[in-house]
Amino acid sequence: MLRGEWDLAWRISDAVLHQRGDAQDWHRPRHLQAIWNGTPLDGRRVLLRCYHGLGDTIQFIRFAPIVKARAAELTIWAQEALIPLLRTMPNGGRLLPLHNGTPEFAYDVDAEIMELPHILRVTPATLPAGIPYLFPPAPIRPRHGRKLAVGLVWRAGDWNFAQRSVPFPALAPLRDIPGVALHILQRGEALRDCPGGFGIPAGRDDILEAATVMCRLDLVISVDTMPAHLAGALGLPVWTLLAHEADWRWMEDREDTPWYPTMRLFRQPRPGDWSTVITRVAAELRQLAARRNGPQACAAG
């Protein structure tokens, strides 16, 4: 997957699936459960389980219309916080809130949403990358004068957060760039690290509201976590800051990604080296602010 050889990865996955058979281990943590047993989706009642993170669901929900077109019926068992946002996607199927119990509806075949690339035999060349595919209410863009409105997220979620997160002091070069207004999209405990006056508080706990706020900005800068996927799914310009050993989905040695055409990747040149990443981002921001000619339209609006 890192090398972009997804067709080879699916052949390996086929062998693993054949070896596993119908055996399921429902006692494993959700994100480690393999659900799909090889049953075709065509003409069947399909259940998609969203057992990974919020960003994973946002990234992989793009496949739902493809499944819905093939299935007799599609139900998406998704994180409740995401459902208002996912409802904005056309042809996405029925949405029901995920909970700790068992599904309370009939289905013929089910799969975890991140299994869909394997099921659909997706490759980087065939990956559906039409954006936006999520559509929050069109925002009223505030007036920022000629300043570039830039959203900022520096800490990732719980999984591997230390490797994926930028220590707040490393962000100092971004503070006083002429022509740039920083909007703090970060939520949670990481806000305690941010001193008053560093940027404009703009984060929202409600994800649909957060999406609307993003659409008022010219650019989102985020570590590899949910807001980066949200900005990409909305078709917004987004710069994603990656650790040296980045996740498989970003592949190797790329500054772009077939997942999100409006996304740029800024990678650590060596493990733990966020200073080089932020220095480069600051230089790029200075250039972008200097040549800005006017507000950019929000692709999701």
C-alpha atoms as a PDB file:
ATOM      1  CA  MET A   1       0.000   0.000   0.000  1.00  0.00           C
ATOM      2  CA  LEU A   2       2.841   2.420   0.804  1.00  0.00           C
ATOM      3  CA  ARG A   3       4.389   1.734  -2.587  1.00  0.00           C
ATOM      4  CA  GLY A   4       1.066   2.265  -4.346  1.00  0.00           C
ATOM      5  CA  GLU A   5       0.870  -1.406  -5.368  1.00  0.00           C
ATOM      6  CA  TRP A   6      -2.704  -1.790  -4.234  1.00  0.00           C
ATOM      7  CA  ASP A   7      -3.539  -4.555  -6.696  1.00  0.00           C
ATOM      8  CA  LEU A   8      -0.857  -6.703  -5.049  1.00  0.00           C
ATOM      9  CA  ALA A   9      -2.224  -5.786  -1.611  1.00  0.00           C
ATOM     10  CA  TRP A  10      -5.673  -7.051  -2.627  1.00  0.00           C
ATOM     11  CA  ARG A  11      -4.242 -10.387  -3.756  1.00  0.00           C
ATOM     12  CA  ILE A  12      -2.633 -10.735  -0.339  1.00  0.00           C
ATOM     13  CA  SER A  13      -5.927  -9.735   1.282  1.00  0.00           C
ATOM     14  CA  ASP A  14      -7.730 -12.381  -0.769  1.00  0.00           C
ATOM     15  CA  ALA A  15      -5.392 -15.041   0.612  1.00  0.00           C
ATOM     16  CA  VAL A  16      -5.922 -13.835   4.193  1.00  0.00           C
ATOM     17  CA  LEU A  17      -9.686 -13.839   3.658  1.00  0.00           C
ATOM     18  CA  HIS A  18      -9.609 -17.382   2.256  1.00  0.00           C
ATOM     19  CA  GLN A  19      -7.539 -18.586   5.205  1.00  0.00           C
ATOM     20  CA  ARG A  20      -9.873 -16.950   7.716  1.00  0.00           C
ATOM     21  CA  GLY A  21     -13.052 -18.325   6.178  1.00  0.00           C
ATOM     22  CA  ASP A  22     -16.222 -17.423   8.050  1.00  0.00           C
ATOM     23  CA  ALA A  23     -14.493 -17.245  11.427  1.00  0.00           C
ATOM     24  CA  GLN A  24     -15.104 -13.957  13.254  1.00  0.00           C
ATOM     25  CA  ASP A  25     -13.579 -12.745  16.493  1.00  0.00           C
ATOM     26  CA  TRP A  26     -16.097 -10.250  17.819  1.00  0.00           C
ATOM     27  CA  HIS A  27     -14.125  -9.923  21.054  1.00  0.00           C
ATOM     28  CA  ARG A  28     -11.273  -8.034  19.364  1.00  0.00           C
ATOM     29  CA  PRO A  29     -11.269  -4.210  19.490  1.00  0.00           C
ATOM     30  CA  ARG A  30     -13.538  -2.854  16.795  1.00  0.00           C
ATOM     31  CA  HIS A  31     -10.805  -1.281  14.712  1.00  0.00           C
ATOM     32  CA  LEU A  32      -9.034  -4.664  14.523  1.00  0.00           C
ATOM     33  CA  GLN A  33     -12.066  -6.630  13.382  1.00  0.00           C
ATOM     34  CA  ALA A  34     -12.222  -7.928   9.827  1.00  0.00           C
ATOM     35  CA  ILE A  35     -15.923  -8.128   8.931  1.00  0.00           C
ATOM     36  CA  TRP A  36     -16.375  -8.921   5.252  1.00  0.00           C
ATOM     37  CA  ASN A  37     -16.482 -12.670   4.492  1.00  0.00           C
ATOM     38  CA  GLY A  38     -16.197 -12.435   0.719  1.00  0.00           C
ATOM     39  CA  THR A  39     -19.921 -12.391  -0.063  1.00  0.00           C
ATOM     40  CA  PRO A  40     -20.663 -10.186  -3.114  1.00  0.00           C
ATOM     41  CA  LEU A  41     -22.529  -6.941  -2.441  1.00  0.00           C
ATOM     42  CA  ASP A  42     -24.580  -6.918  -5.638  1.00  0.00           C
ATOM     43  CA  GLY A  43     -28.329  -7.155  -5.137  1.00  0.00           C
ATOM     44  CA  ARG A  44     -28.015  -7.665  -1.380  1.00  0.00           C
ATOM     45  CA  ARG A  45     -28.918  -5.705   1.735  1.00  0.00           C
ATOM     46  CA  VAL A  46     -25.533  -4.286   2.762  1.00  0.00           C
ATOM     47  CA  LEU A  47     -24.459  -3.033   6.173  1.00  0.00           C
ATOM     48  CA  LEU A  48     -21.376  -0.807   6.396  1.00  0.00           C
ATOM     49  CA  ARG A  49     -19.875  -0.641   9.881  1.00  0.00           C
ATOM     50  CA  CYS A  50     -17.784   2.454  10.715  1.00  0.00           C
ATOM     51  CA  TYR A  51     -15.468   0.960  13.336  1.00  0.00           C
ATOM     52  CA  HIS A  52     -12.420   3.191  12.905  1.00  0.00           C
ATOM     53  CA  GLY A  53     -11.912   6.901  13.614  1.00  0.00           C
ATOM     54  CA  LEU A  54     -14.016   9.856  12.524  1.00  0.00           C
ATOM     55  CA  GLY A  55     -11.441  10.837   9.902  1.00  0.00           C
ATOM     56  CA  ASP A  56     -11.444   7.293   8.521  1.00  0.00           C
ATOM     57  CA  THR A  57     -15.212   7.392   8.080  1.00  0.00           C
ATOM     58  CA  ILE A  58     -15.020  10.766   6.320  1.00  0.00           C
ATOM     59  CA  GLN A  59     -12.299   9.438   4.018  1.00  0.00           C
ATOM     60  CA  PHE A  60     -13.956   6.141   3.102  1.00  0.00           C
ATOM     61  CA  ILE A  61     -17.585   7.280   2.949  1.00  0.00           C
ATOM     62  CA  ARG A  62     -16.799   8.304  -0.654  1.00  0.00           C
ATOM     63  CA  PHE A  63     -17.371   4.647  -1.588  1.00  0.00           C
ATOM     64  CA  ALA A  64     -20.933   4.535  -0.229  1.00  0.00           C
ATOM     65  CA  PRO A  65     -22.634   5.735  -3.463  1.00  0.00           C
ATOM     66  CA  ILE A  66     -20.805   3.007  -5.398  1.00  0.00           C
ATOM     67  CA  VAL A  67     -22.045   0.368  -2.965  1.00  0.00           C
ATOM     68  CA  LYS A  68     -25.561   1.810  -2.974  1.00  0.00           C
ATOM     69  CA  ALA A  69     -25.691   1.585  -6.774  1.00  0.00           C
ATOM     70  CA  ARG A  70     -24.839  -2.127  -6.623  1.00  0.00           C
ATOM     71  CA  ALA A  71     -26.738  -3.186  -3.510  1.00  0.00           C
ATOM     72  CA  ALA A  72     -30.443  -3.762  -3.051  1.00  0.00           C
ATOM     73  CA  GLU A  73     -30.246  -1.656   0.105  1.00  0.00           C
ATOM     74  CA  LEU A  74     -27.471   0.137   1.982  1.00  0.00           C
ATOM     75  CA  THR A  75     -27.355   0.931   5.684  1.00  0.00           C
ATOM     76  CA  ILE A  76     -24.399   2.807   7.163  1.00  0.00           C
ATOM     77  CA  TRP A  77     -23.830   2.281  10.879  1.00  0.00           C
ATOM     78  CA  ALA A  78     -21.843   5.441  11.610  1.00  0.00           C
ATOM     79  CA  GLN A  79     -20.569   7.461  14.547  1.00  0.00           C
ATOM     80  CA  GLU A  80     -23.455   9.595  15.769  1.00  0.00           C
ATOM     81  CA  ALA A  81     -21.374  12.803  15.741  1.00  0.00           C
ATOM     82  CA  LEU A  82     -20.854  12.407  11.985  1.00  0.00           C
ATOM     83  CA  ILE A  83     -24.407  11.678  10.895  1.00  0.00           C
ATOM     84  CA  PRO A  84     -25.534  15.313  10.300  1.00  0.00           C
ATOM     85  CA  LEU A  85     -22.491  15.821   8.061  1.00  0.00           C
ATOM     86  CA  LEU A  86     -22.853  12.487   6.249  1.00  0.00           C
ATOM     87  CA  ARG A  87     -26.469  13.303   5.452  1.00  0.00           C
ATOM     88  CA  THR A  88     -25.192  16.041   3.122  1.00  0.00           C
ATOM     89  CA  MET A  89     -23.694  13.424   0.766  1.00  0.00           C
ATOM     90  CA  PRO A  90     -25.976  12.507  -2.165  1.00  0.00           C
ATOM     91  CA  ASN A  91     -26.859   8.819  -2.629  1.00  0.00           C
ATOM     92  CA  GLY A  92     -25.209   7.787   0.598  1.00  0.00           C
ATOM     93  CA  GLY A  93     -27.721   5.293   1.896  1.00  0.00           C
ATOM     94  CA  ARG A  94     -29.584   5.036   5.194  1.00  0.00           C
ATOM     95  CA  LEU A  95     -27.636   6.326   8.204  1.00  0.00           C
ATOM     96  CA  LEU A  96     -28.067   4.905  11.695  1.00  0.00           C
ATOM     97  CA  PRO A  97     -26.061   5.750  14.844  1.00  0.00           C
ATOM     98  CA  LEU A  98     -23.334   3.317  15.831  1.00  0.00           C
ATOM     99  CA  HIS A  99     -23.556   1.937  19.377  1.00  0.00           C
ATOM    100  CA  ASN A 100     -21.968  -0.774  21.502  1.00  0.00           C
ATOM    101  CA  GLY A 101     -24.699  -3.328  20.883  1.00  0.00           C
ATOM    102  CA  THR A 102     -25.483  -5.385  17.818  1.00  0.00           C
ATOM    103  CA  PRO A 103     -27.181  -4.108  14.657  1.00  0.00           C
ATOM    104  CA  GLU A 104     -30.938  -3.952  15.109  1.00  0.00           C
ATOM    105  CA  PHE A 105     -31.897  -4.282  11.446  1.00  0.00           C
ATOM    106  CA  ALA A 106     -31.809  -6.949   8.763  1.00  0.00           C
ATOM    107  CA  TYR A 107     -28.928  -7.297   6.317  1.00  0.00           C
ATOM    108  CA  ASP A 108     -27.445  -9.965   4.050  1.00  0.00           C
ATOM    109  CA  VAL A 109     -23.775  -8.971   3.974  1.00  0.00           C
ATOM    110  CA  ASP A 110     -21.711  -6.554   6.024  1.00  0.00           C
ATOM    111  CA  ALA A 111     -18.289  -4.978   5.887  1.00  0.00           C
ATOM    112  CA  GLU A 112     -16.207  -2.475   7.813  1.00  0.00           C
ATOM    113  CA  ILE A 113     -16.063   0.722   5.791  1.00  0.00           C
ATOM    114  CA  MET A 114     -12.254   0.576   5.457  1.00  0.00           C
ATOM    115  CA  GLU A 115     -12.585  -2.841   3.784  1.00  0.00           C
ATOM    116  CA  LEU A 116     -14.298  -1.252   0.788  1.00  0.00           C
ATOM    117  CA  PRO A 117     -11.113  -0.531  -1.216  1.00  0.00           C
ATOM    118  CA  HIS A 118     -10.362  -4.267  -1.098  1.00  0.00           C
ATOM    119  CA  ILE A 119     -13.934  -5.252  -1.942  1.00  0.00           C
ATOM    120  CA  LEU A 120     -14.071  -2.802  -4.851  1.00  0.00           C
ATOM    121  CA  ARG A 121     -10.483  -3.578  -5.981  1.00  0.00           C
ATOM    122  CA  VAL A 122      -9.564   0.111  -5.932  1.00  0.00           C
ATOM    123  CA  THR A 123      -6.158   1.294  -7.144  1.00  0.00           C
ATOM    124  CA  PRO A 124      -4.644   4.786  -7.003  1.00  0.00           C
ATOM    125  CA  ALA A 125      -5.676   5.219 -10.651  1.00  0.00           C
ATOM    126  CA  THR A 126      -9.321   4.213 -10.062  1.00  0.00           C
ATOM    127  CA  LEU A 127      -9.809   5.831  -6.652  1.00  0.00           C
ATOM    128  CA  PRO A 128     -12.971   7.984  -6.738  1.00  0.00           C
ATOM    129  CA  ALA A 129     -11.594  11.428  -5.976  1.00  0.00           C
ATOM    130  CA  GLY A 130     -14.434  13.687  -7.084  1.00  0.00           C
ATOM    131  CA  ILE A 131     -14.678  16.517  -4.582  1.00  0.00           C
ATOM    132  CA  PRO A 132     -16.421  17.837  -2.738  1.00  0.00           C
ATOM    133  CA  TYR A 133     -18.535  14.871  -1.700  1.00  0.00           C
ATOM    134  CA  LEU A 134     -19.782  16.409   1.545  1.00  0.00           C
ATOM    135  CA  PHE A 135     -21.822  19.624   1.429  1.00  0.00           C
ATOM    136  CA  PRO A 136     -22.416  21.643   4.616  1.00  0.00           C
ATOM    137  CA  PRO A 137     -24.682  24.688   4.439  1.00  0.00           C
ATOM    138  CA  ALA A 138     -23.061  27.411   2.350  1.00  0.00           C
ATOM    139  CA  PRO A 139     -21.431  29.855   4.799  1.00  0.00           C
ATOM    140  CA  ILE A 140     -21.407  33.614   4.701  1.00  0.00           C
ATOM    141  CA  ARG A 141     -17.741  34.474   4.276  1.00  0.00           C
ATOM    142  CA  PRO A 142     -16.551  37.041   6.832  1.00  0.00           C
ATOM    143  CA  ARG A 143     -14.438  39.978   5.776  1.00  0.00           C
ATOM    144  CA  HIS A 144     -10.748  39.515   6.583  1.00  0.00           C
ATOM    145  CA  GLY A 145      -9.503  42.439   4.541  1.00  0.00           C
ATOM    146  CA  ARG A 146      -6.583  41.211   2.508  1.00  0.00           C
ATOM    147  CA  LYS A 147      -5.372  38.746   5.133  1.00  0.00           C
ATOM    148  CA  LEU A 148      -5.211  35.049   4.335  1.00  0.00           C
ATOM    149  CA  ALA A 149      -7.562  33.174   6.686  1.00  0.00           C
ATOM    150  CA  VAL A 150      -5.755  29.982   7.751  1.00  0.00           C
ATOM    151  CA  GLY A 151      -7.167  27.294  10.046  1.00  0.00           C
ATOM    152  CA  LEU A 152      -4.732  25.413  12.291  1.00  0.00           C
ATOM    153  CA  VAL A 153      -4.807  21.968  13.983  1.00  0.00           C
ATOM    154  CA  TRP A 154      -1.630  20.679  15.666  1.00  0.00           C
ATOM    155  CA  ARG A 155      -2.666  17.716  17.812  1.00  0.00           C
ATOM    156  CA  ALA A 156      -4.047  14.418  16.516  1.00  0.00           C
ATOM    157  CA  GLY A 157      -6.534  12.073  18.158  1.00  0.00           C
ATOM    158  CA  ASP A 158      -5.682   9.356  20.656  1.00  0.00           C
ATOM    159  CA  TRP A 159      -4.233   6.792  18.228  1.00  0.00           C
ATOM    160  CA  ASN A 160      -0.471   7.324  17.909  1.00  0.00           C
ATOM    161  CA  PHE A 161      -1.043  10.980  18.787  1.00  0.00           C
ATOM    162  CA  ALA A 162       2.514  11.635  19.996  1.00  0.00           C
ATOM    163  CA  GLN A 163       4.012  10.758  16.604  1.00  0.00           C
ATOM    164  CA  ARG A 164       1.332  12.531  14.572  1.00  0.00           C
ATOM    165  CA  SER A 165       1.112  15.720  16.665  1.00  0.00           C
ATOM    166  CA  VAL A 166       3.253  18.857  16.440  1.00  0.00           C
ATOM    167  CA  PRO A 167       4.479  20.184  19.815  1.00  0.00           C
ATOM    168  CA  PHE A 168       2.909  23.601  20.172  1.00  0.00           C
ATOM    169  CA  PRO A 169       6.191  25.531  20.661  1.00  0.00           C
ATOM    170  CA  ALA A 170       7.287  24.354  17.204  1.00  0.00           C
ATOM    171  CA  LEU A 171       4.451  26.421  15.694  1.00  0.00           C
ATOM    172  CA  ALA A 172       6.050  29.734  16.719  1.00  0.00           C
ATOM    173  CA  PRO A 173       7.183  30.634  13.141  1.00  0.00           C
ATOM    174  CA  LEU A 174       3.524  30.749  12.071  1.00  0.00           C
ATOM    175  CA  ARG A 175       2.491  33.360  14.604  1.00  0.00           C
ATOM    176  CA  ASP A 176       3.465  36.650  13.000  1.00  0.00           C
ATOM    177  CA  ILE A 177       3.461  36.079   9.242  1.00  0.00           C
ATOM    178  CA  PRO A 178       2.380  39.307   7.524  1.00  0.00           C
ATOM    179  CA  GLY A 179      -0.952  39.025   5.771  1.00  0.00           C
ATOM    180  CA  VAL A 180      -2.010  35.816   7.573  1.00  0.00           C
ATOM    181  CA  ALA A 181      -4.791  35.515  10.152  1.00  0.00           C
ATOM    182  CA  LEU A 182      -4.602  32.230  12.057  1.00  0.00           C
ATOM    183  CA  HIS A 183      -7.901  30.599  13.050  1.00  0.00           C
ATOM    184  CA  ILE A 184      -7.561  27.979  15.787  1.00  0.00           C
ATOM    185  CA  LEU A 185      -9.598  24.923  14.787  1.00  0.00           C
ATOM    186  CA  GLN A 186      -8.025  22.719  17.461  1.00  0.00           C
ATOM    187  CA  ARG A 187     -10.336  21.274  20.111  1.00  0.00           C
ATOM    188  CA  GLY A 188      -9.759  19.492  23.402  1.00  0.00           C
ATOM    189  CA  GLU A 189      -6.888  19.553  25.875  1.00  0.00           C
ATOM    190  CA  ALA A 190      -4.388  20.826  23.310  1.00  0.00           C
ATOM    191  CA  LEU A 191      -6.017  24.265  23.555  1.00  0.00           C
ATOM    192  CA  ARG A 192      -4.359  24.681  26.947  1.00  0.00           C
ATOM    193  CA  ASP A 193      -1.023  24.961  25.149  1.00  0.00           C
ATOM    194  CA  CYS A 194      -2.205  27.865  23.011  1.00  0.00           C
ATOM    195  CA  PRO A 195      -1.644  31.299  24.575  1.00  0.00           C
ATOM    196  CA  GLY A 196      -4.149  34.084  24.125  1.00  0.00           C
ATOM    197  CA  GLY A 197      -3.531  36.151  21.045  1.00  0.00           C
ATOM    198  CA  PHE A 198      -1.862  33.366  19.063  1.00  0.00           C
ATOM    199  CA  GLY A 199      -4.867  33.113  16.772  1.00  0.00           C
ATOM    200  CA  ILE A 200      -8.624  33.573  16.493  1.00  0.00           C
ATOM    201  CA  PRO A 201     -10.638  30.858  18.297  1.00  0.00           C
ATOM    202  CA  ALA A 202     -12.720  29.175  15.579  1.00  0.00           C
ATOM    203  CA  GLY A 203     -13.115  25.515  16.559  1.00  0.00           C
ATOM    204  CA  ARG A 204     -16.469  23.792  16.953  1.00  0.00           C
ATOM    205  CA  ASP A 205     -17.340  20.523  18.677  1.00  0.00           C
ATOM    206  CA  ASP A 206     -20.250  19.986  16.298  1.00  0.00           C
ATOM    207  CA  ILE A 207     -18.679  18.553  13.127  1.00  0.00           C
ATOM    208  CA  LEU A 208     -21.225  20.048  10.735  1.00  0.00           C
ATOM    209  CA  GLU A 209     -20.590  23.471  12.266  1.00  0.00           C
ATOM    210  CA  ALA A 210     -16.837  22.860  12.059  1.00  0.00           C
ATOM    211  CA  ALA A 211     -17.215  22.093   8.357  1.00  0.00           C
ATOM    212  CA  THR A 212     -19.097  25.342   7.836  1.00  0.00           C
ATOM    213  CA  VAL A 213     -16.350  27.285   9.658  1.00  0.00           C
ATOM    214  CA  MET A 214     -13.704  25.664   7.449  1.00  0.00           C
ATOM    215  CA  CYS A 215     -15.538  26.835   4.351  1.00  0.00           C
ATOM    216  CA  ARG A 216     -15.006  30.434   5.477  1.00  0.00           C
ATOM    217  CA  LEU A 217     -11.249  29.980   5.403  1.00  0.00           C
ATOM    218  CA  ASP A 218      -8.744  30.206   2.577  1.00  0.00           C
ATOM    219  CA  LEU A 219      -6.593  27.312   3.795  1.00  0.00           C
ATOM    220  CA  VAL A 220      -6.543  24.610   6.480  1.00  0.00           C
ATOM    221  CA  ILE A 221      -3.250  23.391   7.969  1.00  0.00           C
ATOM    222  CA  SER A 222      -3.616  20.203   9.988  1.00  0.00           C
ATOM    223  CA  VAL A 223      -1.716  17.212  11.238  1.00  0.00           C
ATOM    224  CA  ASP A 224      -2.878  13.761  10.105  1.00  0.00           C
ATOM    225  CA  THR A 225      -6.221  13.698  11.889  1.00  0.00           C
ATOM    226  CA  MET A 226      -9.943  14.213  11.291  1.00  0.00           C
ATOM    227  CA  PRO A 227      -9.936  17.927  10.284  1.00  0.00           C
ATOM    228  CA  ALA A 228      -7.491  17.179   7.448  1.00  0.00           C
ATOM    229  CA  HIS A 229      -9.888  14.579   6.036  1.00  0.00           C
ATOM    230  CA  LEU A 230     -12.833  16.914   6.548  1.00  0.00           C
ATOM    231  CA  ALA A 231     -11.156  19.736   4.628  1.00  0.00           C
ATOM    232  CA  GLY A 232     -10.184  17.340   1.848  1.00  0.00           C
ATOM    233  CA  ALA A 233     -13.711  15.923   1.557  1.00  0.00           C
ATOM    234  CA  LEU A 234     -15.072  19.484   1.360  1.00  0.00           C
ATOM    235  CA  GLY A 235     -12.720  20.241  -1.513  1.00  0.00           C
ATOM    236  CA  LEU A 236     -10.867  22.939   0.435  1.00  0.00           C
ATOM    237  CA  PRO A 237      -7.168  23.773   0.155  1.00  0.00           C
ATOM    238  CA  VAL A 238      -5.484  21.820   2.960  1.00  0.00           C
ATOM    239  CA  TRP A 239      -1.856  21.292   3.922  1.00  0.00           C
ATOM    240  CA  THR A 240      -1.395  18.061   5.882  1.00  0.00           C
ATOM    241  CA  LEU A 241       1.641  17.700   8.151  1.00  0.00           C
ATOM    242  CA  LEU A 242       2.951  14.127   8.200  1.00  0.00           C
ATOM    243  CA  ALA A 243       5.348  12.272  10.459  1.00  0.00           C
ATOM    244  CA  HIS A 244       8.339  10.631   8.797  1.00  0.00           C
ATOM    245  CA  GLU A 245       6.765   7.167   9.089  1.00  0.00           C
ATOM    246  CA  ALA A 246       3.363   8.208   7.773  1.00  0.00           C
ATOM    247  CA  ASP A 247       0.302   5.989   7.456  1.00  0.00           C
ATOM    248  CA  TRP A 248      -0.093   3.706   4.417  1.00  0.00           C
ATOM    249  CA  ARG A 249      -2.823   5.868   2.910  1.00  0.00           C
ATOM    250  CA  TRP A 250      -0.370   8.675   2.133  1.00  0.00           C
ATOM    251  CA  MET A 251       2.010   6.309   0.317  1.00  0.00           C
ATOM    252  CA  GLU A 252       5.698   7.203  -0.031  1.00  0.00           C
ATOM    253  CA  ASP A 253       7.623  10.187  -1.395  1.00  0.00           C
ATOM    254  CA  ARG A 254       4.562  12.157  -2.505  1.00  0.00           C
ATOM    255  CA  GLU A 255       3.547  15.745  -1.867  1.00  0.00           C
ATOM    256  CA  ASP A 256       0.094  15.118  -3.330  1.00  0.00           C
ATOM    257  CA  THR A 257      -2.472  12.394  -2.766  1.00  0.00           C
ATOM    258  CA  PRO A 258      -5.083  10.774  -5.011  1.00  0.00           C
ATOM    259  CA  TRP A 259      -7.455  10.752  -2.056  1.00  0.00           C
ATOM    260  CA  TYR A 260      -7.857  14.539  -1.988  1.00  0.00           C
ATOM    261  CA  PRO A 261      -6.899  16.609  -5.059  1.00  0.00           C
ATOM    262  CA  THR A 262      -6.826  19.861  -3.033  1.00  0.00           C
ATOM    263  CA  MET A 263      -4.412  18.502  -0.415  1.00  0.00           C
ATOM    264  CA  ARG A 264      -0.644  19.001  -0.173  1.00  0.00           C
ATOM    265  CA  LEU A 265       1.534  16.805   2.026  1.00  0.00           C
ATOM    266  CA  PHE A 266       4.374  18.238   4.114  1.00  0.00           C
ATOM    267  CA  ARG A 267       6.517  15.361   5.401  1.00  0.00           C
ATOM    268  CA  GLN A 268       9.135  15.199   8.127  1.00  0.00           C
ATOM    269  CA  PRO A 269      12.551  14.681   6.492  1.00  0.00           C
ATOM    270  CA  ARG A 270      13.592  12.596   9.507  1.00  0.00           C
ATOM    271  CA  PRO A 271      11.760  11.176  12.534  1.00  0.00           C
ATOM    272  CA  GLY A 272      10.669  13.851  14.992  1.00  0.00           C
ATOM    273  CA  ASP A 273      11.796  16.788  12.844  1.00  0.00           C
ATOM    274  CA  TRP A 274       8.804  19.121  12.955  1.00  0.00           C
ATOM    275  CA  SER A 275      11.031  22.202  12.892  1.00  0.00           C
ATOM    276  CA  THR A 276      11.930  21.685   9.225  1.00  0.00           C
ATOM    277  CA  VAL A 277       8.280  21.064   8.348  1.00  0.00           C
ATOM    278  CA  ILE A 278       7.039  24.231  10.069  1.00  0.00           C
ATOM    279  CA  THR A 279       9.866  26.339   8.613  1.00  0.00           C
ATOM    280  CA  ARG A 280       8.828  25.225   5.132  1.00  0.00           C
ATOM    281  CA  VAL A 281       5.129  25.816   5.847  1.00  0.00           C
ATOM    282  CA  ALA A 282       5.890  29.322   7.161  1.00  0.00           C
ATOM    283  CA  ALA A 283       7.883  30.161   4.019  1.00  0.00           C
ATOM    284  CA  GLU A 284       5.087  28.893   1.775  1.00  0.00           C
ATOM    285  CA  LEU A 285       2.520  30.906   3.757  1.00  0.00           C
ATOM    286  CA  ARG A 286       4.549  34.092   3.326  1.00  0.00           C
ATOM    287  CA  GLN A 287       4.645  33.558  -0.418  1.00  0.00           C
ATOM    288  CA  LEU A 288       0.936  32.728  -0.577  1.00  0.00           C
ATOM    289  CA  ALA A 289      -0.037  35.795   1.443  1.00  0.00           C
ATOM    290  CA  ALA A 290       2.206  38.034  -0.658  1.00  0.00           C
ATOM    291  CA  ARG A 291       0.648  37.045  -3.951  1.00  0.00           C
ATOM    292  CA  ARG A 292      -2.915  36.886  -2.725  1.00  0.00           C
ATOM    293  CA  ASN A 293      -5.180  38.866  -5.024  1.00  0.00           C
ATOM    294  CA  GLY A 294      -8.506  38.355  -3.291  1.00  0.00           C
ATOM    295  CA  PRO A 295     -10.708  35.903  -1.396  1.00  0.00           C
ATOM    296  CA  GLN A 296     -10.955  32.384  -2.760  1.00  0.00           C
ATOM    297  CA  ALA A 297     -14.324  30.764  -3.255  1.00  0.00           C
ATOM    298  CA  CYS A 298     -15.242  27.876  -0.987  1.00  0.00           C
ATOM    299  CA  ALA A 299     -15.486  24.772  -3.114  1.00  0.00           C
ATOM    300  CA  ALA A 300     -18.089  23.280  -0.797  1.00  0.00           C
ATOM    301  CA  GLY A 301     -20.322  26.348  -1.074  1.00  0.00           C
END
